[in-house]
Structures are given as C-alpha cells and as structure tokens.
C-alpha atoms as a PDB file:
ATOM      1  CA  UNK A   1     -23.840  -1.220   3.366  1.00  0.00           C
ATOM      2  CA  UNK A   2     -23.062  -4.511   5.154  1.00  0.00           C
ATOM      3  CA  UNK A   3     -24.193  -7.895   3.916  1.00  0.00           C
ATOM      4  CA  UNK A   4     -26.537  -8.207   6.889  1.00  0.00           C
ATOM      5  CA  UNK A   5     -28.353  -4.964   6.096  1.00  0.00           C
ATOM      6  CA  UNK A   6     -28.484  -5.911   2.418  1.00  0.00           C
ATOM      7  CA  UNK A   7     -30.217  -9.187   3.301  1.00  0.00           C
ATOM      8  CA  UNK A   8     -32.649  -7.402   5.630  1.00  0.00           C
ATOM      9  CA  UNK A   9     -33.382  -4.810   2.952  1.00  0.00           C
ATOM     10  CA  UNK A  10     -34.139  -7.420   0.311  1.00  0.00           C
ATOM     11  CA  UNK A  11     -36.278  -9.400   2.754  1.00  0.00           C
ATOM     12  CA  UNK A  12     -38.384  -6.359   3.707  1.00  0.00           C
ATOM     13  CA  UNK A  13     -38.784  -5.301   0.079  1.00  0.00           C
ATOM     14  CA  UNK A  14     -39.756  -8.867  -0.856  1.00  0.00           C
ATOM     15  CA  UNK A  15     -42.485  -8.957   1.802  1.00  0.00           C
ATOM     16  CA  UNK A  16     -43.744  -5.548   0.779  1.00  0.00           C
ATOM     17  CA  UNK A  17     -43.826  -6.503  -2.876  1.00  0.00           C
ATOM     18  CA  UNK A  18     -45.717  -9.700  -2.115  1.00  0.00           C
ATOM     19  CA  UNK A  19     -48.364  -8.089   0.099  1.00  0.00           C
ATOM     20  CA  UNK A  20     -49.052  -4.888  -1.823  1.00  0.00           C
ATOM     21  CA  UNK A  21     -48.655  -6.269  -5.325  1.00  0.00           C
ATOM     22  CA  UNK A  22     -50.904  -9.242  -4.601  1.00  0.00           C
ATOM     23  CA  UNK A  23     -53.568  -7.005  -3.048  1.00  0.00           C
ATOM     24  CA  UNK A  24     -53.630  -4.631  -6.026  1.00  0.00           C
ATOM     25  CA  UNK A  25     -53.444  -7.475  -8.545  1.00  0.00           C
ATOM     26  CA  UNK A  26     -56.367  -9.175  -6.803  1.00  0.00           C
ATOM     27  CA  UNK A  27     -58.458  -6.015  -6.444  1.00  0.00           C
ATOM     28  CA  UNK A  28     -58.193  -5.277 -10.184  1.00  0.00           C
ATOM     29  CA  UNK A  29     -59.148  -8.811 -11.273  1.00  0.00           C
ATOM     30  CA  UNK A  30     -61.413 -10.131  -8.500  1.00  0.00           C
ATOM     31  CA  UNK A  31     -64.665  -9.518 -10.408  1.00  0.00           C
ATOM     32  CA  UNK A  32     -63.708 -11.773 -13.332  1.00  0.00           C
ATOM     33  CA  UNK A  33     -61.451 -14.471 -11.841  1.00  0.00           C
ATOM     34  CA  UNK A  34     -61.391 -16.620  -8.718  1.00  0.00           C
ATOM     35  CA  UNK A  35     -59.139 -15.626  -5.837  1.00  0.00           C
ATOM     36  CA  UNK A  36     -56.925 -18.711  -5.954  1.00  0.00           C
ATOM     37  CA  UNK A  37     -56.094 -18.165  -9.612  1.00  0.00           C
ATOM     38  CA  UNK A  38     -55.306 -14.491  -9.080  1.00  0.00           C
ATOM     39  CA  UNK A  39     -53.012 -15.076  -6.105  1.00  0.00           C
ATOM     40  CA  UNK A  40     -51.254 -18.001  -7.788  1.00  0.00           C
ATOM     41  CA  UNK A  41     -50.396 -15.896 -10.808  1.00  0.00           C
ATOM     42  CA  UNK A  42     -49.502 -12.851  -8.712  1.00  0.00           C
ATOM     43  CA  UNK A  43     -47.163 -14.765  -6.431  1.00  0.00           C
ATOM     44  CA  UNK A  44     -45.537 -16.451  -9.423  1.00  0.00           C
ATOM     45  CA  UNK A  45     -44.754 -13.061 -10.971  1.00  0.00           C
ATOM     46  CA  UNK A  46     -43.330 -11.718  -7.687  1.00  0.00           C
ATOM     47  CA  UNK A  47     -41.168 -14.816  -7.313  1.00  0.00           C
ATOM     48  CA  UNK A  48     -39.895 -14.615 -10.890  1.00  0.00           C
ATOM     49  CA  UNK A  49     -38.956 -10.944 -10.442  1.00  0.00           C
ATOM     50  CA  UNK A  50     -36.821 -11.642  -7.390  1.00  0.00           C
ATOM     51  CA  UNK A  51     -35.322 -14.750  -8.957  1.00  0.00           C
ATOM     52  CA  UNK A  52     -34.262 -12.707 -11.993  1.00  0.00           C
ATOM     53  CA  UNK A  53     -32.777  -9.985  -9.762  1.00  0.00           C
ATOM     54  CA  UNK A  54     -30.862 -12.662  -7.832  1.00  0.00           C
ATOM     55  CA  UNK A  55     -29.524 -14.094 -11.091  1.00  0.00           C
ATOM     56  CA  UNK A  56     -28.577 -10.644 -12.380  1.00  0.00           C
ATOM     57  CA  UNK A  57     -26.585  -9.979  -9.203  1.00  0.00           C
ATOM     58  CA  UNK A  58     -24.563 -13.094  -9.995  1.00  0.00           C
ATOM     59  CA  UNK A  59     -24.023 -12.142 -13.634  1.00  0.00           C
ATOM     60  CA  UNK A  60     -23.345  -8.393 -13.382  1.00  0.00           C
ATOM     61  CA  UNK A  61     -19.996  -8.650 -11.500  1.00  0.00           C
ATOM     62  CA  UNK A  62     -18.681 -10.921 -14.271  1.00  0.00           C
ATOM     63  CA  UNK A  63     -19.397  -8.375 -16.999  1.00  0.00           C
ATOM     64  CA  UNK A  64     -17.242  -5.403 -17.967  1.00  0.00           C
ATOM     65  CA  UNK A  65     -18.460  -1.903 -18.600  1.00  0.00           C
ATOM     66  CA  UNK A  66     -17.717  -0.413 -22.019  1.00  0.00           C
ATOM     67  CA  UNK A  67     -18.314   2.983 -23.595  1.00  0.00           C
ATOM     68  CA  UNK A  68     -21.791   1.857 -24.724  1.00  0.00           C
ATOM     69  CA  UNK A  69     -22.740  -0.831 -22.196  1.00  0.00           C
ATOM     70  CA  UNK A  70     -23.237  -0.563 -18.430  1.00  0.00           C
ATOM     71  CA  UNK A  71     -23.960  -3.973 -16.841  1.00  0.00           C
ATOM     72  CA  UNK A  72     -25.420  -2.348 -13.702  1.00  0.00           C
ATOM     73  CA  UNK A  73     -28.672  -1.793 -15.569  1.00  0.00           C
ATOM     74  CA  UNK A  74     -28.955  -5.432 -16.580  1.00  0.00           C
ATOM     75  CA  UNK A  75     -31.170  -6.272 -13.570  1.00  0.00           C
ATOM     76  CA  UNK A  76     -34.013  -4.185 -14.990  1.00  0.00           C
ATOM     77  CA  UNK A  77     -34.102  -5.892 -18.381  1.00  0.00           C
ATOM     78  CA  UNK A  78     -33.671  -9.354 -16.898  1.00  0.00           C
ATOM     79  CA  UNK A  79     -36.590  -8.628 -14.558  1.00  0.00           C
ATOM     80  CA  UNK A  80     -38.644  -7.279 -17.458  1.00  0.00           C
ATOM     81  CA  UNK A  81     -38.018 -10.367 -19.585  1.00  0.00           C
ATOM     82  CA  UNK A  82     -38.729 -12.661 -16.633  1.00  0.00           C
ATOM     83  CA  UNK A  83     -42.017 -11.027 -15.675  1.00  0.00           C
ATOM     84  CA  UNK A  84     -43.053 -10.896 -19.336  1.00  0.00           C
ATOM     85  CA  UNK A  85     -42.567 -14.662 -19.564  1.00  0.00           C
ATOM     86  CA  UNK A  86     -44.495 -15.162 -16.302  1.00  0.00           C
ATOM     87  CA  UNK A  87     -47.219 -12.857 -17.634  1.00  0.00           C
ATOM     88  CA  UNK A  88     -47.598 -14.855 -20.859  1.00  0.00           C
ATOM     89  CA  UNK A  89     -47.666 -18.122 -18.901  1.00  0.00           C
ATOM     90  CA  UNK A  90     -50.517 -16.708 -16.809  1.00  0.00           C
ATOM     91  CA  UNK A  91     -52.427 -15.684 -19.934  1.00  0.00           C
ATOM     92  CA  UNK A  92     -52.098 -19.166 -21.406  1.00  0.00           C
ATOM     93  CA  UNK A  93     -52.584 -21.210 -18.242  1.00  0.00           C
ATOM     94  CA  UNK A  94     -55.268 -19.236 -16.406  1.00  0.00           C
ATOM     95  CA  UNK A  95     -56.950 -17.614 -19.423  1.00  0.00           C
ATOM     96  CA  UNK A  96     -56.512 -14.052 -18.177  1.00  0.00           C
ATOM     97  CA  UNK A  97     -57.587 -11.387 -20.628  1.00  0.00           C
ATOM     98  CA  UNK A  98     -54.377  -9.730 -21.809  1.00  0.00           C
ATOM     99  CA  UNK A  99     -55.174  -6.073 -21.212  1.00  0.00           C
ATOM    100  CA  UNK A 100     -57.022  -6.631 -17.947  1.00  0.00           C
ATOM    101  CA  UNK A 101     -54.010  -8.495 -16.574  1.00  0.00           C
ATOM    102  CA  UNK A 102     -51.666  -5.832 -17.953  1.00  0.00           C
ATOM    103  CA  UNK A 103     -53.600  -3.097 -16.147  1.00  0.00           C
ATOM    104  CA  UNK A 104     -53.402  -4.995 -12.854  1.00  0.00           C
ATOM    105  CA  UNK A 105     -49.701  -5.790 -13.284  1.00  0.00           C
ATOM    106  CA  UNK A 106     -48.729  -2.236 -14.236  1.00  0.00           C
ATOM    107  CA  UNK A 107     -50.512  -0.600 -11.308  1.00  0.00           C
ATOM    108  CA  UNK A 108     -49.280  -3.272  -8.894  1.00  0.00           C
ATOM    109  CA  UNK A 109     -45.628  -2.925  -9.872  1.00  0.00           C
ATOM    110  CA  UNK A 110     -45.595   0.882  -9.925  1.00  0.00           C
ATOM    111  CA  UNK A 111     -47.300   1.087  -6.537  1.00  0.00           C
ATOM    112  CA  UNK A 112     -44.984  -1.362  -4.820  1.00  0.00           C
ATOM    113  CA  UNK A 113     -41.748  -0.042  -6.326  1.00  0.00           C
ATOM    114  CA  UNK A 114     -42.126   3.477  -4.893  1.00  0.00           C
ATOM    115  CA  UNK A 115     -41.603   2.561  -1.192  1.00  0.00           C
ATOM    116  CA  UNK A 116     -38.986  -0.055  -2.132  1.00  0.00           C
ATOM    117  CA  UNK A 117     -36.914   2.577  -3.956  1.00  0.00           C
ATOM    118  CA  UNK A 118     -37.315   4.964  -0.998  1.00  0.00           C
ATOM    119  CA  UNK A 119     -36.188   2.231   1.380  1.00  0.00           C
ATOM    120  CA  UNK A 120     -33.075   1.584  -0.684  1.00  0.00           C
ATOM    121  CA  UNK A 121     -32.377   5.320  -0.630  1.00  0.00           C
ATOM    122  CA  UNK A 122     -32.647   5.452   3.164  1.00  0.00           C
ATOM    123  CA  UNK A 123     -30.272   2.515   3.559  1.00  0.00           C
ATOM    124  CA  UNK A 124     -27.711   3.456   0.898  1.00  0.00           C
ATOM    125  CA  UNK A 125     -28.069   7.288   0.738  1.00  0.00           C
ATOM    126  CA  UNK A 126     -27.795   6.898  -3.031  1.00  0.00           C
ATOM    127  CA  UNK A 127     -29.823   9.725  -4.569  1.00  0.00           C
ATOM    128  CA  UNK A 128     -30.437   7.706  -7.708  1.00  0.00           C
ATOM    129  CA  UNK A 129     -32.933   5.601  -5.753  1.00  0.00           C
ATOM    130  CA  UNK A 130     -34.712   8.810  -4.763  1.00  0.00           C
ATOM    131  CA  UNK A 131     -34.818   9.871  -8.402  1.00  0.00           C
ATOM    132  CA  UNK A 132     -36.190   6.483  -9.421  1.00  0.00           C
ATOM    133  CA  UNK A 133     -38.926   6.627  -6.779  1.00  0.00           C
ATOM    134  CA  UNK A 134     -39.912  10.120  -7.957  1.00  0.00           C
ATOM    135  CA  UNK A 135     -40.138   8.934 -11.574  1.00  0.00           C
ATOM    136  CA  UNK A 136     -42.197   5.893 -10.625  1.00  0.00           C
ATOM    137  CA  UNK A 137     -44.517   8.084  -8.527  1.00  0.00           C
ATOM    138  CA  UNK A 138     -44.922  10.412 -11.502  1.00  0.00           C
ATOM    139  CA  UNK A 139     -45.896   7.569 -13.827  1.00  0.00           C
ATOM    140  CA  UNK A 140     -48.184   6.064 -11.199  1.00  0.00           C
ATOM    141  CA  UNK A 141     -50.091   9.350 -11.059  1.00  0.00           C
ATOM    142  CA  UNK A 142     -50.259   9.422 -14.854  1.00  0.00           C
ATOM    143  CA  UNK A 143     -51.742   5.933 -14.819  1.00  0.00           C
ATOM    144  CA  UNK A 144     -54.370   6.852 -12.211  1.00  0.00           C
ATOM    145  CA  UNK A 145     -55.396   9.993 -14.093  1.00  0.00           C
ATOM    146  CA  UNK A 146     -55.619   8.139 -17.405  1.00  0.00           C
ATOM    147  CA  UNK A 147     -57.531   5.264 -15.844  1.00  0.00           C
ATOM    148  CA  UNK A 148     -60.127   7.670 -14.504  1.00  0.00           C
ATOM    149  CA  UNK A 149     -60.644   9.605 -17.759  1.00  0.00           C
ATOM    150  CA  UNK A 150     -59.530   7.485 -20.736  1.00  0.00           C
ATOM    151  CA  UNK A 151     -63.110   6.817 -21.912  1.00  0.00           C
ATOM    152  CA  UNK A 152     -63.581  10.550 -22.396  1.00  0.00           C
ATOM    153  CA  UNK A 153     -60.686  10.823 -24.875  1.00  0.00           C
ATOM    154  CA  UNK A 154     -62.272  11.425 -28.276  1.00  0.00           C
ATOM    155  CA  UNK A 155     -59.583   9.832 -30.474  1.00  0.00           C
ATOM    156  CA  UNK A 156     -59.617   6.629 -28.411  1.00  0.00           C
ATOM    157  CA  UNK A 157     -62.636   5.272 -30.191  1.00  0.00           C
ATOM    158  CA  UNK A 158     -62.593   1.705 -28.920  1.00  0.00           C
ATOM    159  CA  UNK A 159     -62.859   2.672 -25.235  1.00  0.00           C
ATOM    160  CA  UNK A 160     -61.285  -0.678 -24.360  1.00  0.00           C
ATOM    161  CA  UNK A 161     -59.385  -1.500 -21.180  1.00  0.00           C
ATOM    162  CA  UNK A 162     -55.626  -1.256 -21.653  1.00  0.00           C
ATOM    163  CA  UNK A 163     -55.229   2.386 -22.664  1.00  0.00           C
ATOM    164  CA  UNK A 164     -53.948   3.527 -19.271  1.00  0.00           C
ATOM    165  CA  UNK A 165     -51.277   0.857 -18.898  1.00  0.00           C
ATOM    166  CA  UNK A 166     -50.058   1.037 -22.511  1.00  0.00           C
ATOM    167  CA  UNK A 167     -49.727   4.821 -22.588  1.00  0.00           C
ATOM    168  CA  UNK A 168     -48.088   4.899 -19.163  1.00  0.00           C
ATOM    169  CA  UNK A 169     -45.608   2.166 -20.074  1.00  0.00           C
ATOM    170  CA  UNK A 170     -44.900   3.778 -23.430  1.00  0.00           C
ATOM    171  CA  UNK A 171     -44.100   7.110 -21.769  1.00  0.00           C
ATOM    172  CA  UNK A 172     -42.035   5.296 -19.135  1.00  0.00           C
ATOM    173  CA  UNK A 173     -39.745   3.659 -21.703  1.00  0.00           C
ATOM    174  CA  UNK A 174     -39.597   6.793 -23.820  1.00  0.00           C
ATOM    175  CA  UNK A 175     -38.418   8.691 -20.733  1.00  0.00           C
ATOM    176  CA  UNK A 176     -35.768   6.025 -20.064  1.00  0.00           C
ATOM    177  CA  UNK A 177     -34.408   6.440 -23.593  1.00  0.00           C
ATOM    178  CA  UNK A 178     -34.272  10.237 -23.213  1.00  0.00           C
ATOM    179  CA  UNK A 179     -32.482   9.992 -19.854  1.00  0.00           C
ATOM    180  CA  UNK A 180     -30.009   7.552 -21.413  1.00  0.00           C
ATOM    181  CA  UNK A 181     -29.056  10.152 -24.030  1.00  0.00           C
ATOM    182  CA  UNK A 182     -27.785  12.516 -21.337  1.00  0.00           C
ATOM    183  CA  UNK A 183     -26.854  10.139 -18.473  1.00  0.00           C
ATOM    184  CA  UNK A 184     -26.342   6.647 -19.950  1.00  0.00           C
ATOM    185  CA  UNK A 185     -24.435   5.282 -16.953  1.00  0.00           C
ATOM    186  CA  UNK A 186     -27.097   5.814 -14.304  1.00  0.00           C
ATOM    187  CA  UNK A 187     -27.717   2.868 -11.987  1.00  0.00           C
ATOM    188  CA  UNK A 188     -30.896   1.664 -13.663  1.00  0.00           C
ATOM    189  CA  UNK A 189     -29.739   2.094 -17.294  1.00  0.00           C
ATOM    190  CA  UNK A 190     -27.708  -0.128 -19.639  1.00  0.00           C
ATOM    191  CA  UNK A 191     -25.496   2.629 -20.970  1.00  0.00           C
ATOM    192  CA  UNK A 192     -25.893   4.042 -24.462  1.00  0.00           C
ATOM    193  CA  UNK A 193     -27.533   0.835 -25.712  1.00  0.00           C
ATOM    194  CA  UNK A 194     -30.407   1.740 -23.375  1.00  0.00           C
ATOM    195  CA  UNK A 195     -31.403   4.416 -25.889  1.00  0.00           C
ATOM    196  CA  UNK A 196     -32.114   1.781 -28.530  1.00  0.00           C
ATOM    197  CA  UNK A 197     -33.703  -0.798 -26.217  1.00  0.00           C
ATOM    198  CA  UNK A 198     -36.050   1.611 -24.454  1.00  0.00           C
ATOM    199  CA  UNK A 199     -36.949   3.537 -27.617  1.00  0.00           C
ATOM    200  CA  UNK A 200     -37.754   0.290 -29.449  1.00  0.00           C
ATOM    201  CA  UNK A 201     -39.856  -0.919 -26.522  1.00  0.00           C
ATOM    202  CA  UNK A 202     -41.718   2.400 -26.388  1.00  0.00           C
ATOM    203  CA  UNK A 203     -42.404   2.196 -30.139  1.00  0.00           C
ATOM    204  CA  UNK A 204     -43.853  -1.315 -29.846  1.00  0.00           C
ATOM    205  CA  UNK A 205     -46.068  -0.254 -26.932  1.00  0.00           C
ATOM    206  CA  UNK A 206     -47.354   2.831 -28.758  1.00  0.00           C
ATOM    207  CA  UNK A 207     -48.006   0.685 -31.824  1.00  0.00           C
ATOM    208  CA  UNK A 208     -50.042  -1.713 -29.661  1.00  0.00           C
ATOM    209  CA  UNK A 209     -51.939   1.293 -28.263  1.00  0.00           C
ATOM    210  CA  UNK A 210     -52.716   2.503 -31.773  1.00  0.00           C
ATOM    211  CA  UNK A 211     -54.038  -0.919 -32.743  1.00  0.00           C
ATOM    212  CA  UNK A 212     -56.132  -1.075 -29.575  1.00  0.00           C
ATOM    213  CA  UNK A 213     -57.646   2.343 -30.332  1.00  0.00           C
ATOM    214  CA  UNK A 214     -58.859   1.197 -33.754  1.00  0.00           C
ATOM    215  CA  UNK A 215     -60.757  -1.844 -32.466  1.00  0.00           C
ATOM    216  CA  UNK A 216     -64.504  -1.796 -32.159  1.00  0.00           C
ATOM    217  CA  UNK A 217     -66.036  -1.698 -28.708  1.00  0.00           C
END
C-alpha cells in the first residue's frame, strides 16, 4: 500500500474514531456531566490513542523480533497505556465516576474499531484485520447483552455499573492470551510474552470485577 493511501486511511479512521467515539462517549455520560466536559475528555483520549500509535510506528522498525517478542504488537500496548493515562487524568480532572467512564470508553472503542479494522482489511487485503474486526464485533455483542441483563445475574449482588465493561474486557484479554499460545506472531500480538501480559491483565480485571460484585448497592 502506497504512502498516499496509508495517509488517507489513517485520516479517515481518525475522523471516524473522533465522530463515533465522541457520540457514544457523550450518550453514555450526558445525564451526569456537562457536554463540554464530556467532549473535552473524549477528544483527549482519541488524540492520545493516535499519538501513541504514531510513536509506536516510529519505534517498532528499530526493534528486532525474537523467539518470544514480536514488536509489531507493540502499538496495542502503547495505545492501552496511553489511553489508561488519559482515562485516569479525566477521572482526576473532571471527577468522572470510574466505572461510568469505563463503560462509556469500552463501548465507544469497541464500536469504532470494527469499521476501522474492516477498512484496513479492504485497503491491505490482510485477513488478520478481518479476524480482528470479527473478534471486536463478538466482544461488542457480549458487552451489549451483558449491559442489558447484568442486574438479573444472581451472584452479582451489588448490581453496580461496571459489570459489563469489566467482564467484556476480562474475556477480551483472556482470549488474546489464548490466541498467543497458538499464534504468538499475529499482527496484533507481542509474541509469546503476550501470553503473560494479557493473562495478567485479565486476572487484574476479573479481580476488580469480583471486588465490585461484593460491594453494597
């Protein structure tokens, strides 16, 4: 794919991510926060994601692949760290409630990434992008189903907001670790070290879900 088409592809995906993510982020939080605050935080997170991807594209070519490490998957973890920092800044600066903001961020990212992955597939013909879009669609549906019925789950005694995003994210990272066992060098994985990173992340998320379930309403 030529440099021109690469630039066009990133520009289109950037616009899509801004518009759709901001709309979903706003629609989930509009009842409790003012519009300016929501859009400021949402745009900051979108910007930080693309800035981290830009930085990863500069770093990845300088790194060497080993039998346990694949630098091609570094963009994902750099983006995750970057948006986590932006998320915490939003919590501290704008006083967002943690789990409400997490719900909005999770749904917003999953929803916007599906068409972006499909667009990359159409431009590059790389079937890995098609696989990624299918996985993200699968987890988006899981989130929507959980969000509609989580209060009916008997063992989730607290009934608090956050169940849908935590369980979905936990399953997402658990799936990444399982895929890494069999295909560690896929485009969006870090190699064999992905098994440890994703499994550890999934454990922390499930632990947070357990703690959330034990809280009083």
